[in-house]
Amino acid sequence: MECCHAAVSSLSWTLIVGGVAYLLRQRRMCAPYGRYTPGEGWCCPAGLGWFVQEVPAFLLPLLLLLLPGEEASDPGRSEQSTGRTLLLCAFMMHYFHRSVIYSFLTRGRPVPVPIVLYAAIFCSLNGFLQGHHLLHCAHFERTWTTHARLAAGFLLFLVGMIINIHSDHILRSLRKPGETVYRIPHGGMFEFVSGANYFGEILEWTGFAVAAWSLPSFAFAFFTACSIGPRAYHHHRDYMQRFEDYPRSRKAVLPFVF
């Protein structure tokens, strides 16, 4: 058990340090994919790239979930299995949508191969971390505060996922098949922020962290905010420069704040 917690703690702190490093890097330049893709280098179709990079975060927790666990020999842990399994299924639900549904629907630009590989490594490590911690390390006390926190976290997660999916739909509807032009998005959370899809994803993993209440879930939520928060800011700045009639009241990623 001590080895388990040591590995989980090390991976979690790696995510936190990596999030800080990523944040500092993106202060100078945005990650080179999407509208910031350089003209040279190897790229793969957007749908294939998203599938390859995101699917490990779905498959690894699924594998851990299907493998025999400790519940059969430990009735005490079996009583907690529902909450832990629901949290893991919420995590997997996001990545099933991202790797299967979103990758099929996306009309984005080709993705540089190095970006796909780096993202696949991250999703593999994070998928293992969240799955292993929830199934083999996490412990939930049976109190009303725990139940209230789980309920609040799940609610935030679901609201964030709905915002994320709806915002992606709005962005896709701006283009016809084969187009790569940029237009001003309207509707939903885009009335408040330029990065509505990013706001939804940050809200998702914040809710996940509230529900799980653990170092790994906090580390993932922190890394998410550090990686896509600055990207939302760069998108916001690009919109403002690209379109003279862009709504000046919109913020970058946090409604009414930033």
C-alpha atoms as a PDB file:
ATOM      1  CA  MET A   1       0.000   0.000   0.000  1.00  0.00           C
ATOM      2  CA  GLU A   2       2.867   2.405   0.809  1.00  0.00           C
ATOM      3  CA  CYS A   3       4.390   1.660  -2.600  1.00  0.00           C
ATOM      4  CA  CYS A   4       0.996   2.349  -4.182  1.00  0.00           C
ATOM      5  CA  HIS A   5       0.677   5.738  -2.517  1.00  0.00           C
ATOM      6  CA  ALA A   6       4.305   6.622  -3.316  1.00  0.00           C
ATOM      7  CA  ALA A   7       3.798   5.942  -7.038  1.00  0.00           C
ATOM      8  CA  VAL A   8       0.505   7.864  -7.081  1.00  0.00           C
ATOM      9  CA  SER A   9       2.049  10.809  -5.248  1.00  0.00           C
ATOM     10  CA  SER A  10       5.059  10.916  -7.588  1.00  0.00           C
ATOM     11  CA  LEU A  11       2.915  10.855 -10.729  1.00  0.00           C
ATOM     12  CA  SER A  12       0.581  13.492  -9.292  1.00  0.00           C
ATOM     13  CA  TRP A  13       3.393  15.893  -8.478  1.00  0.00           C
ATOM     14  CA  THR A  14       4.824  15.264 -11.948  1.00  0.00           C
ATOM     15  CA  LEU A  15       1.513  16.528 -13.370  1.00  0.00           C
ATOM     16  CA  ILE A  16       1.559  19.594 -11.115  1.00  0.00           C
ATOM     17  CA  VAL A  17       5.147  20.510 -12.005  1.00  0.00           C
ATOM     18  CA  GLY A  18       4.415  19.776 -15.669  1.00  0.00           C
ATOM     19  CA  GLY A  19       1.379  22.067 -15.510  1.00  0.00           C
ATOM     20  CA  VAL A  20       3.485  24.936 -14.170  1.00  0.00           C
ATOM     21  CA  ALA A  21       6.120  24.361 -16.868  1.00  0.00           C
ATOM     22  CA  TYR A  22       3.450  24.215 -19.577  1.00  0.00           C
ATOM     23  CA  LEU A  23       1.868  27.418 -18.283  1.00  0.00           C
ATOM     24  CA  LEU A  24       5.199  29.266 -18.358  1.00  0.00           C
ATOM     25  CA  ARG A  25       5.921  27.995 -21.873  1.00  0.00           C
ATOM     26  CA  GLN A  26       2.532  29.082 -23.200  1.00  0.00           C
ATOM     27  CA  ARG A  27       3.043  32.620 -21.907  1.00  0.00           C
ATOM     28  CA  ARG A  28       5.412  33.043 -24.843  1.00  0.00           C
ATOM     29  CA  MET A  29       3.834  30.835 -27.521  1.00  0.00           C
ATOM     30  CA  CYS A  30       0.821  28.585 -27.960  1.00  0.00           C
ATOM     31  CA  ALA A  31       1.142  24.846 -28.566  1.00  0.00           C
ATOM     32  CA  PRO A  32       1.625  24.340 -32.345  1.00  0.00           C
ATOM     33  CA  TYR A  33      -1.639  22.677 -33.383  1.00  0.00           C
ATOM     34  CA  GLY A  34      -4.942  23.930 -34.758  1.00  0.00           C
ATOM     35  CA  ARG A  35      -4.684  27.511 -35.986  1.00  0.00           C
ATOM     36  CA  TYR A  36      -1.115  27.675 -34.685  1.00  0.00           C
ATOM     37  CA  THR A  37       0.139  24.677 -36.705  1.00  0.00           C
ATOM     38  CA  PRO A  38       3.420  25.513 -38.484  1.00  0.00           C
ATOM     39  CA  GLY A  39       3.555  25.144 -42.232  1.00  0.00           C
ATOM     40  CA  GLU A  40       6.221  22.422 -42.169  1.00  0.00           C
ATOM     41  CA  GLY A  41       6.571  19.064 -40.439  1.00  0.00           C
ATOM     42  CA  TRP A  42       4.740  15.753 -40.388  1.00  0.00           C
ATOM     43  CA  CYS A  43       1.016  15.928 -39.648  1.00  0.00           C
ATOM     44  CA  CYS A  44      -1.816  13.430 -39.488  1.00  0.00           C
ATOM     45  CA  PRO A  45      -5.549  13.972 -40.096  1.00  0.00           C
ATOM     46  CA  ALA A  46      -7.267  15.636 -37.164  1.00  0.00           C
ATOM     47  CA  GLY A  47      -9.677  12.766 -36.520  1.00  0.00           C
ATOM     48  CA  LEU A  48      -6.931  10.144 -36.465  1.00  0.00           C
ATOM     49  CA  GLY A  49      -4.717  12.353 -34.312  1.00  0.00           C
ATOM     50  CA  TRP A  50      -7.413  12.936 -31.696  1.00  0.00           C
ATOM     51  CA  PHE A  51      -8.253   9.223 -31.582  1.00  0.00           C
ATOM     52  CA  VAL A  52      -4.648   8.085 -31.141  1.00  0.00           C
ATOM     53  CA  GLN A  53      -3.826  10.647 -28.465  1.00  0.00           C
ATOM     54  CA  GLU A  54      -7.020  10.383 -26.419  1.00  0.00           C
ATOM     55  CA  VAL A  55      -7.916   6.679 -26.526  1.00  0.00           C
ATOM     56  CA  PRO A  56      -5.251   5.530 -24.004  1.00  0.00           C
ATOM     57  CA  ALA A  57      -7.054   7.520 -21.287  1.00  0.00           C
ATOM     58  CA  PHE A  58     -10.158   5.423 -22.018  1.00  0.00           C
ATOM     59  CA  LEU A  59      -8.563   2.010 -22.546  1.00  0.00           C
ATOM     60  CA  LEU A  60      -6.183   1.942 -19.561  1.00  0.00           C
ATOM     61  CA  PRO A  61      -8.857   2.647 -16.905  1.00  0.00           C
ATOM     62  CA  LEU A  62     -11.152   0.170 -18.682  1.00  0.00           C
ATOM     63  CA  LEU A  63      -8.442  -2.479 -18.461  1.00  0.00           C
ATOM     64  CA  LEU A  64      -7.885  -1.740 -14.768  1.00  0.00           C
ATOM     65  CA  LEU A  65     -11.640  -1.885 -14.168  1.00  0.00           C
ATOM     66  CA  LEU A  66     -11.952  -5.290 -15.845  1.00  0.00           C
ATOM     67  CA  LEU A  67      -8.990  -6.848 -14.052  1.00  0.00           C
ATOM     68  CA  PRO A  68      -9.739  -8.709 -10.799  1.00  0.00           C
ATOM     69  CA  GLY A  69      -9.532  -6.282  -7.857  1.00  0.00           C
ATOM     70  CA  GLU A  70      -9.405  -6.422  -4.104  1.00  0.00           C
ATOM     71  CA  GLU A  71     -13.148  -6.195  -3.480  1.00  0.00           C
ATOM     72  CA  ALA A  72     -13.765  -9.917  -3.599  1.00  0.00           C
ATOM     73  CA  SER A  73     -11.452 -10.535  -0.646  1.00  0.00           C
ATOM     74  CA  ASP A  74     -12.113  -7.258   1.206  1.00  0.00           C
ATOM     75  CA  PRO A  75     -15.795  -6.612   2.035  1.00  0.00           C
ATOM     76  CA  GLY A  76     -14.926  -3.203   3.498  1.00  0.00           C
ATOM     77  CA  ARG A  77     -13.600  -1.970   0.178  1.00  0.00           C
ATOM     78  CA  SER A  78     -16.511  -3.575  -1.646  1.00  0.00           C
ATOM     79  CA  GLU A  79     -18.911  -1.217   0.138  1.00  0.00           C
ATOM     80  CA  GLN A  80     -17.107   1.761  -1.416  1.00  0.00           C
ATOM     81  CA  SER A  81     -16.959   0.315  -4.934  1.00  0.00           C
ATOM     82  CA  THR A  82     -20.003   2.192  -6.260  1.00  0.00           C
ATOM     83  CA  GLY A  83     -18.626   5.704  -5.712  1.00  0.00           C
ATOM     84  CA  ARG A  84     -15.188   4.809  -7.018  1.00  0.00           C
ATOM     85  CA  THR A  85     -16.622   3.048 -10.072  1.00  0.00           C
ATOM     86  CA  LEU A  86     -18.923   6.001 -10.856  1.00  0.00           C
ATOM     87  CA  LEU A  87     -15.981   8.393 -10.710  1.00  0.00           C
ATOM     88  CA  LEU A  88     -13.930   6.183 -12.990  1.00  0.00           C
ATOM     89  CA  CYS A  89     -16.860   5.792 -15.400  1.00  0.00           C
ATOM     90  CA  ALA A  90     -17.257   9.594 -15.512  1.00  0.00           C
ATOM     91  CA  PHE A  91     -13.569   9.885 -16.417  1.00  0.00           C
ATOM     92  CA  MET A  92     -13.921   7.190 -19.081  1.00  0.00           C
ATOM     93  CA  MET A  93     -17.126   8.729 -20.453  1.00  0.00           C
ATOM     94  CA  HIS A  94     -15.263  11.951 -21.250  1.00  0.00           C
ATOM     95  CA  TYR A  95     -12.455  10.117 -23.022  1.00  0.00           C
ATOM     96  CA  PHE A  96     -14.792   7.785 -24.905  1.00  0.00           C
ATOM     97  CA  HIS A  97     -16.507  10.868 -26.312  1.00  0.00           C
ATOM     98  CA  ARG A  98     -13.162  12.535 -27.023  1.00  0.00           C
ATOM     99  CA  SER A  99     -11.509   9.572 -28.718  1.00  0.00           C
ATOM    100  CA  VAL A 100     -14.459   8.035 -30.592  1.00  0.00           C
ATOM    101  CA  ILE A 101     -17.239  10.594 -31.115  1.00  0.00           C
ATOM    102  CA  TYR A 102     -15.288  13.873 -31.214  1.00  0.00           C
ATOM    103  CA  SER A 103     -12.526  12.425 -33.394  1.00  0.00           C
ATOM    104  CA  PHE A 104     -15.143  11.236 -35.902  1.00  0.00           C
ATOM    105  CA  LEU A 105     -16.937  14.587 -36.016  1.00  0.00           C
ATOM    106  CA  THR A 106     -14.019  17.027 -35.896  1.00  0.00           C
ATOM    107  CA  ARG A 107     -13.245  19.233 -38.903  1.00  0.00           C
ATOM    108  CA  GLY A 108     -10.006  20.593 -37.516  1.00  0.00           C
ATOM    109  CA  ARG A 109      -6.693  21.064 -39.220  1.00  0.00           C
ATOM    110  CA  PRO A 110      -4.146  18.214 -39.420  1.00  0.00           C
ATOM    111  CA  VAL A 111      -2.249  17.698 -36.155  1.00  0.00           C
ATOM    112  CA  PRO A 112       1.574  17.564 -35.997  1.00  0.00           C
ATOM    113  CA  VAL A 113       2.744  14.022 -35.196  1.00  0.00           C
ATOM    114  CA  PRO A 114       4.930  15.095 -32.215  1.00  0.00           C
ATOM    115  CA  ILE A 115       1.898  16.761 -30.593  1.00  0.00           C
ATOM    116  CA  VAL A 116      -0.075  13.524 -30.996  1.00  0.00           C
ATOM    117  CA  LEU A 117       2.724  11.464 -29.445  1.00  0.00           C
ATOM    118  CA  TYR A 118       3.199  13.805 -26.471  1.00  0.00           C
ATOM    119  CA  ALA A 119      -0.548  13.886 -25.842  1.00  0.00           C
ATOM    120  CA  ALA A 120      -0.774  10.084 -26.073  1.00  0.00           C
ATOM    121  CA  ILE A 121       1.974   9.738 -23.468  1.00  0.00           C
ATOM    122  CA  PHE A 122       0.177  12.180 -21.176  1.00  0.00           C
ATOM    123  CA  CYS A 123      -3.176  10.431 -21.600  1.00  0.00           C
ATOM    124  CA  SER A 124      -1.553   7.056 -20.907  1.00  0.00           C
ATOM    125  CA  LEU A 125       0.079   8.249 -17.692  1.00  0.00           C
ATOM    126  CA  ASN A 126      -2.981  10.139 -16.516  1.00  0.00           C
ATOM    127  CA  GLY A 127      -5.383   7.329 -17.434  1.00  0.00           C
ATOM    128  CA  PHE A 128      -3.309   4.884 -15.404  1.00  0.00           C
ATOM    129  CA  LEU A 129      -2.951   7.350 -12.520  1.00  0.00           C
ATOM    130  CA  GLN A 130      -6.654   8.130 -12.164  1.00  0.00           C
ATOM    131  CA  GLY A 131      -7.741   4.525 -12.691  1.00  0.00           C
ATOM    132  CA  HIS A 132      -5.168   2.970 -10.376  1.00  0.00           C
ATOM    133  CA  HIS A 133      -5.800   5.496  -7.615  1.00  0.00           C
ATOM    134  CA  LEU A 134      -9.587   5.197  -7.721  1.00  0.00           C
ATOM    135  CA  LEU A 135      -9.642   1.403  -7.892  1.00  0.00           C
ATOM    136  CA  HIS A 136      -6.748   0.498  -5.604  1.00  0.00           C
ATOM    137  CA  CYS A 137      -5.881   3.431  -3.358  1.00  0.00           C
ATOM    138  CA  ALA A 138      -8.875   5.741  -2.831  1.00  0.00           C
ATOM    139  CA  HIS A 139     -10.886   5.606   0.389  1.00  0.00           C
ATOM    140  CA  PHE A 140     -14.199   7.397   0.911  1.00  0.00           C
ATOM    141  CA  GLU A 141     -15.515   7.923   4.429  1.00  0.00           C
ATOM    142  CA  ARG A 142     -19.243   7.299   4.756  1.00  0.00           C
ATOM    143  CA  THR A 143     -20.406  10.724   5.994  1.00  0.00           C
ATOM    144  CA  TRP A 144     -22.996  13.225   4.759  1.00  0.00           C
ATOM    145  CA  THR A 145     -20.238  15.681   3.829  1.00  0.00           C
ATOM    146  CA  THR A 146     -18.644  13.057   1.590  1.00  0.00           C
ATOM    147  CA  HIS A 147     -21.968  12.351  -0.107  1.00  0.00           C
ATOM    148  CA  ALA A 148     -22.659  16.087  -0.555  1.00  0.00           C
ATOM    149  CA  ARG A 149     -19.204  16.648  -2.038  1.00  0.00           C
ATOM    150  CA  LEU A 150     -19.623  13.715  -4.423  1.00  0.00           C
ATOM    151  CA  ALA A 151     -23.011  15.032  -5.562  1.00  0.00           C
ATOM    152  CA  ALA A 152     -21.684  18.577  -6.061  1.00  0.00           C
ATOM    153  CA  GLY A 153     -18.650  17.303  -7.930  1.00  0.00           C
ATOM    154  CA  PHE A 154     -20.689  15.090 -10.247  1.00  0.00           C
ATOM    155  CA  LEU A 155     -23.033  17.994 -10.973  1.00  0.00           C
ATOM    156  CA  LEU A 156     -20.123  20.284 -11.902  1.00  0.00           C
ATOM    157  CA  PHE A 157     -18.646  17.518 -14.035  1.00  0.00           C
ATOM    158  CA  LEU A 158     -21.890  16.957 -15.963  1.00  0.00           C
ATOM    159  CA  VAL A 159     -22.516  20.679 -16.475  1.00  0.00           C
ATOM    160  CA  GLY A 160     -18.943  21.112 -17.701  1.00  0.00           C
ATOM    161  CA  MET A 161     -19.229  18.176 -20.097  1.00  0.00           C
ATOM    162  CA  ILE A 162     -22.497  19.512 -21.533  1.00  0.00           C
ATOM    163  CA  ILE A 163     -20.903  22.955 -22.061  1.00  0.00           C
ATOM    164  CA  ASN A 164     -17.839  21.358 -23.656  1.00  0.00           C
ATOM    165  CA  ILE A 165     -19.831  19.192 -26.077  1.00  0.00           C
ATOM    166  CA  HIS A 166     -22.272  21.973 -26.967  1.00  0.00           C
ATOM    167  CA  SER A 167     -19.434  24.436 -27.582  1.00  0.00           C
ATOM    168  CA  ASP A 168     -17.656  21.950 -29.856  1.00  0.00           C
ATOM    169  CA  HIS A 169     -20.909  21.575 -31.790  1.00  0.00           C
ATOM    170  CA  ILE A 170     -21.136  25.362 -32.248  1.00  0.00           C
ATOM    171  CA  LEU A 171     -17.554  25.514 -33.500  1.00  0.00           C
ATOM    172  CA  ARG A 172     -18.116  22.672 -35.981  1.00  0.00           C
ATOM    173  CA  SER A 173     -21.277  24.319 -37.304  1.00  0.00           C
ATOM    174  CA  LEU A 174     -19.245  27.386 -38.306  1.00  0.00           C
ATOM    175  CA  ARG A 175     -17.554  25.420 -41.076  1.00  0.00           C
ATOM    176  CA  LYS A 176     -18.703  23.398 -44.023  1.00  0.00           C
ATOM    177  CA  PRO A 177     -16.823  20.144 -44.718  1.00  0.00           C
ATOM    178  CA  GLY A 178     -13.369  20.928 -46.056  1.00  0.00           C
ATOM    179  CA  GLU A 179     -13.331  24.545 -44.863  1.00  0.00           C
ATOM    180  CA  THR A 180     -10.586  25.871 -42.590  1.00  0.00           C
ATOM    181  CA  VAL A 181     -11.794  29.467 -42.280  1.00  0.00           C
ATOM    182  CA  TYR A 182     -12.488  31.092 -38.893  1.00  0.00           C
ATOM    183  CA  ARG A 183     -15.756  32.780 -37.989  1.00  0.00           C
ATOM    184  CA  ILE A 184     -17.086  34.335 -34.804  1.00  0.00           C
ATOM    185  CA  PRO A 185     -18.873  31.740 -32.654  1.00  0.00           C
ATOM    186  CA  HIS A 186     -22.206  32.691 -31.082  1.00  0.00           C
ATOM    187  CA  GLY A 187     -24.545  30.958 -28.676  1.00  0.00           C
ATOM    188  CA  GLY A 188     -24.179  29.070 -25.427  1.00  0.00           C
ATOM    189  CA  MET A 189     -21.206  30.024 -23.301  1.00  0.00           C
ATOM    190  CA  PHE A 190     -19.605  31.734 -26.297  1.00  0.00           C
ATOM    191  CA  GLU A 191     -21.727  34.733 -25.379  1.00  0.00           C
ATOM    192  CA  PHE A 192     -19.522  35.080 -22.290  1.00  0.00           C
ATOM    193  CA  VAL A 193     -16.095  33.666 -23.179  1.00  0.00           C
ATOM    194  CA  SER A 194     -14.035  33.040 -26.304  1.00  0.00           C
ATOM    195  CA  GLY A 195     -12.881  29.641 -25.053  1.00  0.00           C
ATOM    196  CA  ALA A 196     -16.278  28.183 -24.144  1.00  0.00           C
ATOM    197  CA  ASN A 197     -15.168  24.635 -24.940  1.00  0.00           C
ATOM    198  CA  TYR A 198     -12.101  25.087 -22.728  1.00  0.00           C
ATOM    199  CA  PHE A 199     -14.191  26.579 -19.931  1.00  0.00           C
ATOM    200  CA  GLY A 200     -16.433  23.505 -20.061  1.00  0.00           C
ATOM    201  CA  GLU A 201     -13.483  21.131 -19.833  1.00  0.00           C
ATOM    202  CA  ILE A 202     -11.908  23.027 -16.938  1.00  0.00           C
ATOM    203  CA  LEU A 203     -15.279  22.898 -15.157  1.00  0.00           C
ATOM    204  CA  GLU A 204     -15.487  19.149 -15.831  1.00  0.00           C
ATOM    205  CA  TRP A 205     -12.198  18.314 -14.177  1.00  0.00           C
ATOM    206  CA  THR A 206     -12.740  20.772 -11.353  1.00  0.00           C
ATOM    207  CA  GLY A 207     -15.949  18.895 -10.587  1.00  0.00           C
ATOM    208  CA  PHE A 208     -14.098  15.586 -10.870  1.00  0.00           C
ATOM    209  CA  ALA A 209     -11.495  16.852  -8.393  1.00  0.00           C
ATOM    210  CA  VAL A 210     -14.207  17.999  -5.958  1.00  0.00           C
ATOM    211  CA  ALA A 211     -15.922  14.597  -6.144  1.00  0.00           C
ATOM    212  CA  ALA A 212     -12.733  12.520  -5.852  1.00  0.00           C
ATOM    213  CA  TRP A 213     -11.049  14.891  -3.364  1.00  0.00           C
ATOM    214  CA  SER A 214      -7.582  13.490  -3.984  1.00  0.00           C
ATOM    215  CA  LEU A 215      -4.124  14.615  -5.022  1.00  0.00           C
ATOM    216  CA  PRO A 216      -4.299  12.830  -8.434  1.00  0.00           C
ATOM    217  CA  SER A 217      -7.633  14.433  -9.348  1.00  0.00           C
ATOM    218  CA  PHE A 218      -6.430  17.869  -8.206  1.00  0.00           C
ATOM    219  CA  ALA A 219      -3.198  17.423 -10.177  1.00  0.00           C
ATOM    220  CA  PHE A 220      -5.161  16.607 -13.331  1.00  0.00           C
ATOM    221  CA  ALA A 221      -7.545  19.547 -12.897  1.00  0.00           C
ATOM    222  CA  PHE A 222      -4.567  21.839 -12.267  1.00  0.00           C
ATOM    223  CA  PHE A 223      -2.713  20.572 -15.344  1.00  0.00           C
ATOM    224  CA  THR A 224      -5.854  21.007 -17.459  1.00  0.00           C
ATOM    225  CA  ALA A 225      -6.292  24.631 -16.369  1.00  0.00           C
ATOM    226  CA  CYS A 226      -2.585  25.355 -16.969  1.00  0.00           C
ATOM    227  CA  SER A 227      -2.595  23.801 -20.439  1.00  0.00           C
ATOM    228  CA  ILE A 228      -5.876  24.938 -22.008  1.00  0.00           C
ATOM    229  CA  GLY A 229      -6.466  28.139 -20.024  1.00  0.00           C
ATOM    230  CA  PRO A 230      -3.619  29.961 -21.821  1.00  0.00           C
ATOM    231  CA  ARG A 231      -4.796  28.487 -25.122  1.00  0.00           C
ATOM    232  CA  ALA A 232      -8.200  30.077 -24.552  1.00  0.00           C
ATOM    233  CA  TYR A 233      -6.432  33.395 -23.930  1.00  0.00           C
ATOM    234  CA  HIS A 234      -4.467  33.064 -27.199  1.00  0.00           C
ATOM    235  CA  HIS A 235      -7.700  32.261 -29.059  1.00  0.00           C
ATOM    236  CA  HIS A 236      -9.355  35.298 -27.473  1.00  0.00           C
ATOM    237  CA  ARG A 237      -6.496  37.558 -28.557  1.00  0.00           C
ATOM    238  CA  ASP A 238      -6.571  36.067 -32.071  1.00  0.00           C
ATOM    239  CA  TYR A 239     -10.316  36.689 -32.372  1.00  0.00           C
ATOM    240  CA  MET A 240      -9.899  40.286 -31.221  1.00  0.00           C
ATOM    241  CA  GLN A 241      -7.169  40.900 -33.811  1.00  0.00           C
ATOM    242  CA  ARG A 242      -8.866  38.979 -36.607  1.00  0.00           C
ATOM    243  CA  PHE A 243     -12.369  40.490 -36.360  1.00  0.00           C
ATOM    244  CA  GLU A 244     -13.067  44.187 -35.900  1.00  0.00           C
ATOM    245  CA  ASP A 245     -16.644  43.446 -34.830  1.00  0.00           C
ATOM    246  CA  TYR A 246     -15.697  40.813 -32.258  1.00  0.00           C
ATOM    247  CA  PRO A 247     -17.768  41.284 -29.043  1.00  0.00           C
ATOM    248  CA  ARG A 248     -15.538  43.278 -26.681  1.00  0.00           C
ATOM    249  CA  SER A 249     -17.519  42.209 -23.619  1.00  0.00           C
ATOM    250  CA  ARG A 250     -16.368  38.601 -23.887  1.00  0.00           C
ATOM    251  CA  LYS A 251     -13.644  37.301 -21.619  1.00  0.00           C
ATOM    252  CA  ALA A 252     -11.084  34.648 -22.552  1.00  0.00           C
ATOM    253  CA  VAL A 253     -12.068  31.644 -20.424  1.00  0.00           C
ATOM    254  CA  LEU A 254     -13.664  32.662 -17.090  1.00  0.00           C
ATOM    255  CA  PRO A 255     -17.005  34.498 -17.480  1.00  0.00           C
ATOM    256  CA  PHE A 256     -16.862  38.114 -16.228  1.00  0.00           C
ATOM    257  CA  VAL A 257     -13.344  37.555 -14.801  1.00  0.00           C
ATOM    258  CA  PHE A 258     -10.624  36.687 -17.362  1.00  0.00           C
END
